[in-house]
N, C-alpha and C. Protein backbone atom coordinates (compact mmCIF):
# COMPACT_ATOMS: atom_id res chain seq x y z
N MET A 1 19.20 3.40 -16.74
CA MET A 1 19.47 3.32 -18.14
C MET A 1 20.56 4.52 -19.14
N PHE A 2 18.88 5.43 -19.07
CA PHE A 2 19.45 7.30 -20.23
C PHE A 2 20.34 7.27 -19.72
N GLU A 3 20.72 7.73 -18.47
CA GLU A 3 21.27 9.13 -18.25
C GLU A 3 22.14 9.16 -18.55
N ARG A 4 22.92 7.92 -19.07
CA ARG A 4 24.32 8.78 -19.59
C ARG A 4 24.58 8.69 -21.35
N PHE A 5 23.35 8.46 -21.74
CA PHE A 5 23.13 9.16 -23.02
C PHE A 5 23.03 10.48 -23.68
N THR A 6 23.34 10.66 -24.48
CA THR A 6 22.85 11.87 -24.91
C THR A 6 21.72 12.56 -25.54
N ASP A 7 20.98 14.05 -26.00
CA ASP A 7 20.42 14.13 -26.21
C ASP A 7 19.59 13.63 -27.50
N GLN A 8 20.41 13.33 -28.51
CA GLN A 8 20.10 12.23 -29.57
C GLN A 8 20.41 11.15 -29.06
N ALA A 9 20.89 10.00 -28.71
CA ALA A 9 20.33 9.34 -28.26
C ALA A 9 19.60 8.65 -27.25
N ARG A 10 18.81 9.58 -26.84
CA ARG A 10 17.46 9.90 -25.81
C ARG A 10 16.11 9.95 -27.01
N ARG A 11 16.89 10.82 -27.40
CA ARG A 11 15.41 11.20 -29.37
C ARG A 11 15.12 10.19 -29.97
N THR A 12 16.18 9.30 -29.66
CA THR A 12 16.69 8.20 -30.51
C THR A 12 15.93 7.13 -29.96
N VAL A 13 15.72 7.18 -28.41
CA VAL A 13 14.61 5.88 -28.48
C VAL A 13 13.39 6.31 -28.12
N VAL A 14 12.94 7.82 -28.38
CA VAL A 14 11.69 8.35 -28.18
C VAL A 14 11.27 7.91 -29.72
N LEU A 15 12.32 8.31 -30.52
CA LEU A 15 11.72 7.96 -32.13
C LEU A 15 11.37 7.36 -32.46
N ALA A 16 11.79 5.81 -31.43
CA ALA A 16 11.63 4.66 -31.68
C ALA A 16 10.24 4.02 -31.39
N SER A 17 9.98 4.38 -30.30
CA SER A 17 8.94 5.04 -29.04
C SER A 17 7.21 4.92 -30.79
N GLU A 18 7.87 6.04 -30.89
CA GLU A 18 6.62 6.49 -31.53
C GLU A 18 6.63 5.69 -32.91
N THR A 19 7.84 5.30 -33.59
CA THR A 19 7.73 3.91 -34.56
C THR A 19 6.55 3.35 -34.64
N ALA A 20 7.35 2.70 -33.44
CA ALA A 20 6.22 1.38 -32.86
C ALA A 20 4.98 1.32 -33.19
N ARG A 21 4.72 2.51 -31.99
CA ARG A 21 2.97 2.95 -32.20
C ARG A 21 2.68 3.19 -33.08
N ALA A 22 3.48 4.00 -34.62
CA ALA A 22 2.76 4.34 -35.83
C ALA A 22 2.26 2.63 -36.81
N HIS A 23 3.24 1.82 -36.09
CA HIS A 23 3.25 0.36 -36.45
C HIS A 23 1.84 -0.18 -36.13
N HIS A 24 1.24 0.15 -35.01
CA HIS A 24 0.78 -0.10 -34.56
C HIS A 24 1.69 -1.50 -33.02
N HIS A 25 2.87 -1.75 -33.45
CA HIS A 25 3.52 -2.72 -32.42
C HIS A 25 3.27 -2.05 -31.21
N ASP A 26 3.54 -3.14 -29.93
CA ASP A 26 3.26 -3.78 -28.49
C ASP A 26 4.24 -3.49 -28.41
N TYR A 27 5.24 -3.54 -28.79
CA TYR A 27 6.92 -4.00 -28.72
C TYR A 27 7.44 -2.64 -28.79
N LEU A 28 9.06 -2.56 -27.98
CA LEU A 28 9.35 -1.49 -28.84
C LEU A 28 10.91 -2.96 -29.48
N GLY A 29 11.17 -2.71 -30.87
CA GLY A 29 12.23 -3.98 -31.23
C GLY A 29 13.48 -3.19 -32.49
N THR A 30 14.24 -3.76 -31.96
CA THR A 30 15.93 -3.33 -33.10
C THR A 30 15.45 -2.89 -34.04
N GLU A 31 13.99 -2.21 -35.00
CA GLU A 31 12.93 -2.79 -36.35
C GLU A 31 13.40 -1.16 -35.85
N HIS A 32 12.70 -0.79 -34.65
CA HIS A 32 12.17 0.79 -34.80
C HIS A 32 13.34 1.30 -33.83
N ILE A 33 14.64 0.61 -32.62
CA ILE A 33 15.04 1.74 -33.09
C ILE A 33 16.62 2.32 -34.42
N LEU A 34 16.39 0.85 -35.19
CA LEU A 34 17.21 1.26 -36.39
C LEU A 34 16.58 2.75 -37.08
N LEU A 35 15.07 2.49 -37.28
CA LEU A 35 14.68 3.80 -37.55
C LEU A 35 14.62 5.52 -36.58
N GLY A 36 14.83 4.94 -35.51
CA GLY A 36 14.32 5.98 -34.80
C GLY A 36 16.59 7.11 -35.02
N LEU A 37 17.27 5.91 -35.11
CA LEU A 37 18.59 6.38 -35.45
C LEU A 37 18.76 7.08 -36.54
N ILE A 38 17.87 6.92 -37.52
CA ILE A 38 17.74 6.82 -38.85
C ILE A 38 17.52 8.77 -38.93
N ARG A 39 15.74 8.75 -37.50
CA ARG A 39 15.27 9.61 -38.31
C ARG A 39 16.22 10.96 -37.38
N GLU A 40 16.37 10.76 -36.12
CA GLU A 40 17.23 11.23 -35.71
C GLU A 40 18.73 11.88 -36.53
N ASP A 41 18.23 12.62 -37.09
CA ASP A 41 19.34 13.12 -38.28
C ASP A 41 20.81 14.16 -37.25
N ASP A 42 20.27 14.66 -36.22
CA ASP A 42 21.79 14.40 -35.72
C ASP A 42 22.43 14.47 -35.27
N GLY A 43 22.03 12.82 -35.06
CA GLY A 43 23.45 11.83 -34.14
C GLY A 43 24.18 11.50 -35.56
N ALA A 44 25.41 11.04 -34.58
CA ALA A 44 26.37 10.49 -36.01
C ALA A 44 25.50 8.85 -36.32
N ALA A 45 25.28 8.90 -35.59
CA ALA A 45 24.30 7.30 -36.59
C ALA A 45 23.85 7.34 -38.37
N ALA A 46 23.06 8.82 -38.22
CA ALA A 46 22.35 8.97 -39.03
C ALA A 46 23.12 9.24 -40.21
N ARG A 47 24.36 9.78 -39.65
CA ARG A 47 25.09 10.44 -40.64
C ARG A 47 26.55 9.10 -40.87
N ALA A 48 25.95 8.02 -40.06
CA ALA A 48 26.78 7.23 -41.27
C ALA A 48 26.31 6.23 -41.46
N LEU A 49 24.71 6.46 -41.47
CA LEU A 49 23.58 5.40 -42.43
C LEU A 49 23.81 5.98 -43.62
N GLU A 50 23.87 7.14 -43.74
CA GLU A 50 23.21 8.33 -45.04
C GLU A 50 24.31 7.80 -45.91
N SER A 51 25.66 7.88 -45.70
CA SER A 51 27.09 7.58 -46.42
C SER A 51 26.52 6.83 -46.57
N PHE A 52 26.20 5.63 -46.56
CA PHE A 52 26.22 4.41 -47.02
C PHE A 52 24.37 3.86 -47.62
N ASP A 53 23.79 5.13 -47.81
CA ASP A 53 22.94 5.24 -48.99
C ASP A 53 21.57 4.58 -48.12
N VAL A 54 21.45 3.89 -46.89
CA VAL A 54 20.58 3.65 -46.12
C VAL A 54 19.39 4.82 -45.95
N SER A 55 18.29 4.87 -46.55
CA SER A 55 16.98 5.67 -46.45
C SER A 55 15.97 4.94 -45.48
N GLU A 56 15.37 5.52 -44.74
CA GLU A 56 14.02 6.26 -43.77
C GLU A 56 13.12 5.06 -44.77
N ALA A 57 12.84 5.45 -45.61
CA ALA A 57 11.66 5.03 -46.31
C ALA A 57 11.69 3.71 -46.66
N VAL A 58 12.64 3.04 -47.44
CA VAL A 58 13.35 1.76 -47.13
C VAL A 58 13.05 1.13 -46.17
N ILE A 59 13.70 1.12 -45.23
CA ILE A 59 13.82 0.03 -43.55
C ILE A 59 11.48 1.15 -43.36
N ASP A 60 11.22 1.94 -43.07
CA ASP A 60 10.18 1.79 -43.33
C ASP A 60 9.36 1.50 -44.01
N SER A 61 9.05 1.09 -44.66
CA SER A 61 8.79 -0.05 -45.96
C SER A 61 9.01 -1.54 -45.93
N ARG A 62 9.64 -1.63 -45.06
CA ARG A 62 9.82 -3.16 -44.51
C ARG A 62 8.93 -3.53 -43.48
N LEU A 63 8.69 -2.68 -42.31
CA LEU A 63 8.63 -2.49 -41.52
C LEU A 63 7.08 -3.22 -41.07
N THR A 64 6.00 -4.42 -41.10
CA THR A 64 4.94 -5.50 -40.67
C THR A 64 3.99 -3.60 -39.97
N THR A 65 3.21 -3.57 -40.62
CA THR A 65 2.24 -2.44 -40.36
C THR A 65 0.82 -3.29 -39.18
N GLY A 66 0.73 -4.10 -37.39
CA GLY A 66 -0.13 -4.53 -37.25
C GLY A 66 -1.83 -3.68 -37.68
N TYR A 67 -2.92 -4.33 -37.29
CA TYR A 67 -3.89 -3.52 -37.91
C TYR A 67 -4.89 -3.06 -36.87
N GLY A 68 -5.93 -2.18 -36.89
CA GLY A 68 -6.71 -1.55 -35.46
C GLY A 68 -5.76 -0.19 -34.82
N GLU A 69 -6.28 -0.20 -33.84
CA GLU A 69 -5.85 1.52 -33.52
C GLU A 69 -4.02 1.05 -33.15
N PRO A 70 -3.36 2.08 -33.34
CA PRO A 70 -2.50 2.29 -33.00
C PRO A 70 -1.65 1.47 -31.52
N ALA A 71 -0.40 1.25 -30.69
CA ALA A 71 -0.10 0.72 -29.81
C ALA A 71 -0.53 1.87 -28.07
N ARG A 72 -1.08 1.19 -27.35
CA ARG A 72 -1.18 2.16 -26.35
C ARG A 72 -0.53 3.11 -25.96
N SER A 73 -0.46 4.03 -25.23
CA SER A 73 -0.22 5.37 -24.74
C SER A 73 0.93 4.91 -23.97
N GLY A 74 1.54 5.67 -23.32
CA GLY A 74 2.47 5.38 -22.40
C GLY A 74 4.10 4.95 -22.71
N HIS A 75 4.16 4.35 -22.10
CA HIS A 75 4.98 2.98 -22.37
C HIS A 75 5.23 1.86 -23.16
N ILE A 76 5.91 1.60 -24.01
CA ILE A 76 6.26 0.30 -24.52
C ILE A 76 7.12 -0.63 -24.19
N PRO A 77 7.03 -1.87 -23.62
CA PRO A 77 7.85 -2.01 -23.94
C PRO A 77 9.21 -2.58 -24.12
N PHE A 78 10.27 -2.97 -23.88
CA PHE A 78 11.72 -3.51 -25.14
C PHE A 78 11.98 -4.49 -25.70
N ASN A 79 12.18 -4.73 -26.64
CA ASN A 79 11.61 -6.50 -26.28
C ASN A 79 13.36 -6.86 -26.28
N ARG A 80 13.76 -8.23 -25.94
CA ARG A 80 14.62 -8.88 -25.53
C ARG A 80 16.12 -8.25 -26.56
N HIS A 81 15.45 -8.45 -27.77
CA HIS A 81 16.93 -7.79 -28.83
C HIS A 81 16.95 -6.47 -27.92
N ALA A 82 16.02 -5.43 -28.62
CA ALA A 82 16.23 -3.98 -28.14
C ALA A 82 16.86 -3.81 -26.88
N ARG A 83 16.45 -4.65 -25.40
CA ARG A 83 17.04 -4.21 -24.61
C ARG A 83 18.44 -4.55 -24.89
N ARG A 84 19.12 -5.71 -25.30
CA ARG A 84 20.10 -6.22 -24.57
C ARG A 84 21.60 -5.48 -26.04
N ILE A 85 20.53 -4.66 -27.08
CA ILE A 85 21.95 -3.24 -27.32
C ILE A 85 21.48 -2.33 -27.17
N LEU A 86 20.67 -1.27 -26.26
CA LEU A 86 21.04 -1.15 -25.23
C LEU A 86 21.55 -1.35 -24.58
N GLU A 87 21.80 -2.40 -23.43
CA GLU A 87 22.56 -2.05 -22.18
C GLU A 87 24.23 -2.32 -22.96
N GLN A 88 24.07 -3.20 -24.56
CA GLN A 88 24.87 -3.24 -25.26
C GLN A 88 25.86 -1.41 -25.21
N SER A 89 25.34 -0.89 -25.95
CA SER A 89 25.86 0.58 -25.52
C SER A 89 26.09 1.13 -24.48
N LEU A 90 26.21 0.64 -24.18
CA LEU A 90 26.52 0.91 -22.49
C LEU A 90 28.19 0.39 -22.20
N ARG A 91 28.65 -0.20 -23.29
CA ARG A 91 29.48 -0.50 -23.46
C ARG A 91 30.68 -0.32 -24.42
N GLU A 92 30.35 0.57 -25.37
CA GLU A 92 30.62 0.27 -26.63
C GLU A 92 31.47 1.90 -26.72
N PRO A 93 31.17 2.84 -25.58
CA PRO A 93 32.00 4.71 -25.39
C PRO A 93 33.25 4.20 -25.39
N SER A 94 34.12 3.49 -24.15
CA SER A 94 35.36 3.20 -24.66
C SER A 94 36.05 2.91 -25.22
N LEU A 95 35.27 2.07 -26.78
CA LEU A 95 35.94 2.01 -28.12
C LEU A 95 36.27 3.24 -29.12
N LEU A 96 35.30 4.31 -27.83
CA LEU A 96 35.53 5.76 -29.19
C LEU A 96 35.96 6.58 -28.23
N GLY A 97 36.02 6.20 -27.36
CA GLY A 97 37.06 7.68 -26.04
C GLY A 97 35.89 8.58 -25.57
N HIS A 98 34.79 7.60 -25.73
CA HIS A 98 34.22 8.33 -25.36
C HIS A 98 33.01 8.24 -23.88
N GLU A 99 32.86 9.64 -22.92
CA GLU A 99 31.86 9.06 -21.72
C GLU A 99 30.84 8.56 -21.67
N ARG A 100 30.47 9.07 -23.02
CA ARG A 100 28.38 9.37 -22.65
C ARG A 100 28.04 8.38 -24.00
N ILE A 101 26.93 8.02 -24.01
CA ILE A 101 26.63 6.91 -24.47
C ILE A 101 25.60 8.03 -26.60
N GLY A 102 26.28 7.78 -27.22
CA GLY A 102 25.56 8.75 -28.63
C GLY A 102 24.90 7.41 -29.80
N THR A 103 24.68 8.43 -30.39
CA THR A 103 23.30 7.26 -31.16
C THR A 103 24.91 6.34 -32.14
N GLU A 104 25.76 6.43 -32.57
CA GLU A 104 26.77 5.92 -32.64
C GLU A 104 27.09 3.98 -32.21
N GLN A 105 27.18 5.02 -30.51
CA GLN A 105 27.55 3.45 -29.93
C GLN A 105 26.13 2.10 -30.28
N ILE A 106 24.92 3.42 -30.71
CA ILE A 106 24.00 2.39 -30.25
C ILE A 106 23.78 1.57 -31.65
N LEU A 107 24.27 2.13 -32.95
CA LEU A 107 24.54 1.68 -33.70
C LEU A 107 25.84 0.46 -33.75
N LEU A 108 26.85 0.09 -33.01
CA LEU A 108 27.64 -0.38 -33.26
C LEU A 108 26.58 -1.65 -32.24
N ALA A 109 26.39 -1.20 -31.23
CA ALA A 109 26.08 -2.42 -30.70
C ALA A 109 24.65 -2.81 -31.63
N LEU A 110 23.65 -2.14 -31.83
CA LEU A 110 22.99 -3.02 -33.23
C LEU A 110 23.44 -3.89 -34.49
N VAL A 111 24.13 -3.13 -34.77
CA VAL A 111 25.01 -4.22 -35.95
C VAL A 111 25.97 -5.33 -35.67
N ASP A 112 25.85 -5.94 -33.83
CA ASP A 112 26.97 -6.61 -33.44
C ASP A 112 25.61 -8.02 -32.71
N ASP A 113 24.46 -7.37 -33.33
CA ASP A 113 23.46 -8.57 -32.67
C ASP A 113 22.38 -8.44 -34.13
N ARG A 114 23.55 -9.56 -35.18
CA ARG A 114 22.91 -9.92 -36.04
C ARG A 114 21.85 -10.68 -36.15
N GLU A 115 21.22 -11.55 -35.22
CA GLU A 115 19.97 -11.96 -34.84
C GLU A 115 18.83 -11.02 -34.54
N SER A 116 19.25 -10.11 -34.22
CA SER A 116 17.65 -9.06 -34.36
C SER A 116 17.56 -8.57 -35.85
N THR A 117 15.98 -8.01 -35.36
CA THR A 117 15.01 -7.67 -36.67
C THR A 117 15.67 -6.40 -36.96
N GLY A 118 16.17 -5.95 -36.55
CA GLY A 118 16.84 -4.58 -37.18
C GLY A 118 18.27 -5.05 -37.39
N ALA A 119 19.09 -5.22 -36.96
CA ALA A 119 19.78 -5.79 -37.36
C ALA A 119 19.70 -6.83 -39.50
N ARG A 120 18.88 -7.19 -39.53
CA ARG A 120 18.41 -8.15 -40.52
C ARG A 120 18.35 -7.37 -41.78
N LEU A 121 17.42 -6.25 -40.97
CA LEU A 121 17.00 -5.32 -42.28
C LEU A 121 17.21 -4.80 -42.90
N LEU A 122 18.51 -3.80 -41.53
CA LEU A 122 20.19 -3.18 -41.98
C LEU A 122 20.87 -4.00 -42.98
N GLY A 123 21.17 -5.52 -42.84
CA GLY A 123 21.93 -6.46 -44.19
C GLY A 123 21.22 -6.76 -45.29
N GLU A 124 19.83 -6.81 -45.29
CA GLU A 124 19.32 -6.08 -46.31
C GLU A 124 19.23 -5.36 -47.22
N VAL A 125 19.70 -4.43 -47.05
CA VAL A 125 18.92 -2.72 -48.15
C VAL A 125 21.46 -2.12 -47.18
N LEU A 126 22.20 -3.03 -46.90
CA LEU A 126 23.17 -2.14 -46.48
C LEU A 126 24.38 -2.35 -47.84
N PRO A 127 24.83 -1.91 -48.27
CA PRO A 127 25.90 -2.03 -49.60
C PRO A 127 27.22 -2.15 -49.73
N VAL A 128 27.15 -2.56 -48.56
CA VAL A 128 28.96 -3.24 -47.68
C VAL A 128 27.94 -4.18 -46.67
N ASP A 129 29.28 -4.80 -45.96
CA ASP A 129 29.03 -5.88 -44.60
C ASP A 129 29.04 -5.34 -43.15
N PHE A 130 28.22 -5.80 -42.47
CA PHE A 130 28.51 -5.28 -41.28
C PHE A 130 29.97 -5.02 -40.90
N ASP A 131 31.25 -5.32 -41.55
CA ASP A 131 32.28 -4.71 -41.01
C ASP A 131 32.93 -3.40 -41.60
N GLN A 132 32.83 -3.68 -42.68
CA GLN A 132 32.89 -2.09 -42.99
C GLN A 132 31.98 -0.80 -42.67
N LEU A 133 30.97 -0.75 -41.82
CA LEU A 133 29.81 -0.32 -41.52
C LEU A 133 30.83 0.19 -39.76
N ARG A 134 30.89 -0.94 -38.80
CA ARG A 134 31.13 -1.04 -38.09
C ARG A 134 32.63 -0.44 -37.96
N GLN A 135 33.92 -0.34 -38.77
CA GLN A 135 35.16 0.00 -38.94
C GLN A 135 34.91 1.98 -39.38
N HIS A 136 34.00 1.91 -40.55
CA HIS A 136 33.80 3.82 -40.70
C HIS A 136 33.02 4.05 -39.89
N ILE A 137 32.58 3.43 -38.20
CA ILE A 137 31.86 4.32 -37.86
C ILE A 137 33.04 4.96 -36.52
N LEU A 138 33.81 3.48 -36.41
CA LEU A 138 34.93 3.78 -35.52
C LEU A 138 35.78 4.40 -35.72
N ARG A 139 35.67 4.13 -37.50
CA ARG A 139 37.49 5.51 -37.87
C ARG A 139 36.81 6.78 -38.01
N GLU A 140 35.65 7.25 -38.16
CA GLU A 140 34.86 8.56 -37.91
C GLU A 140 34.74 9.80 -36.07
N GLY A 141 34.58 8.39 -35.89
CA GLY A 141 34.22 8.59 -33.97
C GLY A 141 35.44 8.46 -33.61
N THR A 142 36.61 8.39 -33.57
CA THR A 142 37.66 8.57 -32.80
C THR A 142 38.07 9.65 -33.63
N SER A 143 38.04 10.32 -35.37
CA SER A 143 39.04 10.64 -35.75
C SER A 143 38.75 11.91 -36.17
N LYS A 144 36.86 12.09 -36.06
CA LYS A 144 36.68 13.75 -35.41
C LYS A 144 35.82 14.49 -34.15
N GLY A 145 36.05 13.93 -33.15
CA GLY A 145 36.51 14.42 -31.97
C GLY A 145 35.14 15.33 -31.95
N TYR A 146 35.11 15.91 -30.39
CA TYR A 146 34.02 16.29 -30.28
C TYR A 146 33.70 18.61 -30.63
N PRO A 147 32.75 18.93 -31.04
CA PRO A 147 31.84 18.67 -29.91
C PRO A 147 30.40 18.35 -30.85
N GLN A 148 30.64 18.65 -31.86
CA GLN A 148 28.86 18.35 -33.31
C GLN A 148 29.75 16.65 -34.32
N SER A 149 30.05 16.82 -33.67
CA SER A 149 31.04 15.24 -35.45
C SER A 149 29.96 14.05 -34.53
N TRP A 150 30.00 14.50 -33.44
CA TRP A 150 29.16 12.91 -32.46
C TRP A 150 28.74 12.95 -31.77
N GLY A 151 27.42 13.94 -31.95
CA GLY A 151 26.16 14.18 -31.03
C GLY A 151 26.81 14.77 -29.90
N TRP A 152 27.77 16.06 -29.66
CA TRP A 152 27.22 16.93 -28.64
C TRP A 152 27.29 17.90 -29.41
N SER A 153 26.20 18.99 -28.74
CA SER A 153 25.82 20.04 -29.45
C SER A 153 27.17 21.50 -29.37
N ARG A 154 26.49 22.70 -29.42
CA ARG A 154 27.51 23.28 -29.00
C ARG A 154 27.89 23.81 -28.25
N HIS A 155 26.39 23.43 -26.58
CA HIS A 155 25.97 24.36 -25.99
C HIS A 155 27.18 22.63 -24.44
N THR A 156 27.48 22.01 -25.00
CA THR A 156 27.43 20.86 -24.25
C THR A 156 28.55 20.03 -24.41
N SER A 157 29.73 19.67 -22.86
CA SER A 157 30.86 18.89 -23.93
C SER A 157 30.33 17.77 -23.38
N PRO A 158 31.34 16.68 -23.63
CA PRO A 158 31.39 15.44 -23.59
C PRO A 158 30.86 15.14 -22.65
N THR A 159 31.23 15.73 -21.29
CA THR A 159 31.73 15.31 -20.01
C THR A 159 30.85 16.08 -18.52
N SER A 160 29.88 17.58 -20.13
CA SER A 160 28.69 17.90 -18.92
C SER A 160 27.80 16.71 -18.66
N GLY A 161 27.06 16.84 -17.85
CA GLY A 161 25.58 15.63 -17.43
C GLY A 161 24.22 16.45 -18.36
C-alpha cells in the first residue's frame, strides 16, 4: 500500500505508530495519524493545519494514555477507520493532479471520515469547518505545484519512485 506514498507520508505513518506506542495504545487509529500529520512538519498537511492554528500540543493533550508498559514493539495494527482513510488517500491524488500520495491526501481522507476519532478531535479545535479546510488544501495543492510546496523533496520529482 505504501509504495505510492511520498517520504513525508511514510514518515507520517511511522510517527503515528510512535504516538500510539507513547500513549500505550495497542492499535493505530486516526487520532495517531492526525498527530503524525502534524509532527511531519515537512508535509503539506502540517502546513495546512498550522495555517488554521491547529497545534500538536492541543491534539496530543486530548488523547487518552493507557496504563502500564508502552505498546509492544513491532507492527501495531491499524484500526478500521485508520485503514479506511489510508485506503481512501490512495484515491485522492487525482484531485490535486498528483501521482503519489502525500500528507495532504491523507488529511483529505481523514476529514472525509467524520466518524473517526481523528476527525472528531480535529473538529473540536479547528476554527473553520471541514469543507473550508478541504477547500484550502485543494486550492493550495493545485496552485503551488511541485516540487517543494506539497511534499516533494528538491531531489525527487512527482513521478520518481
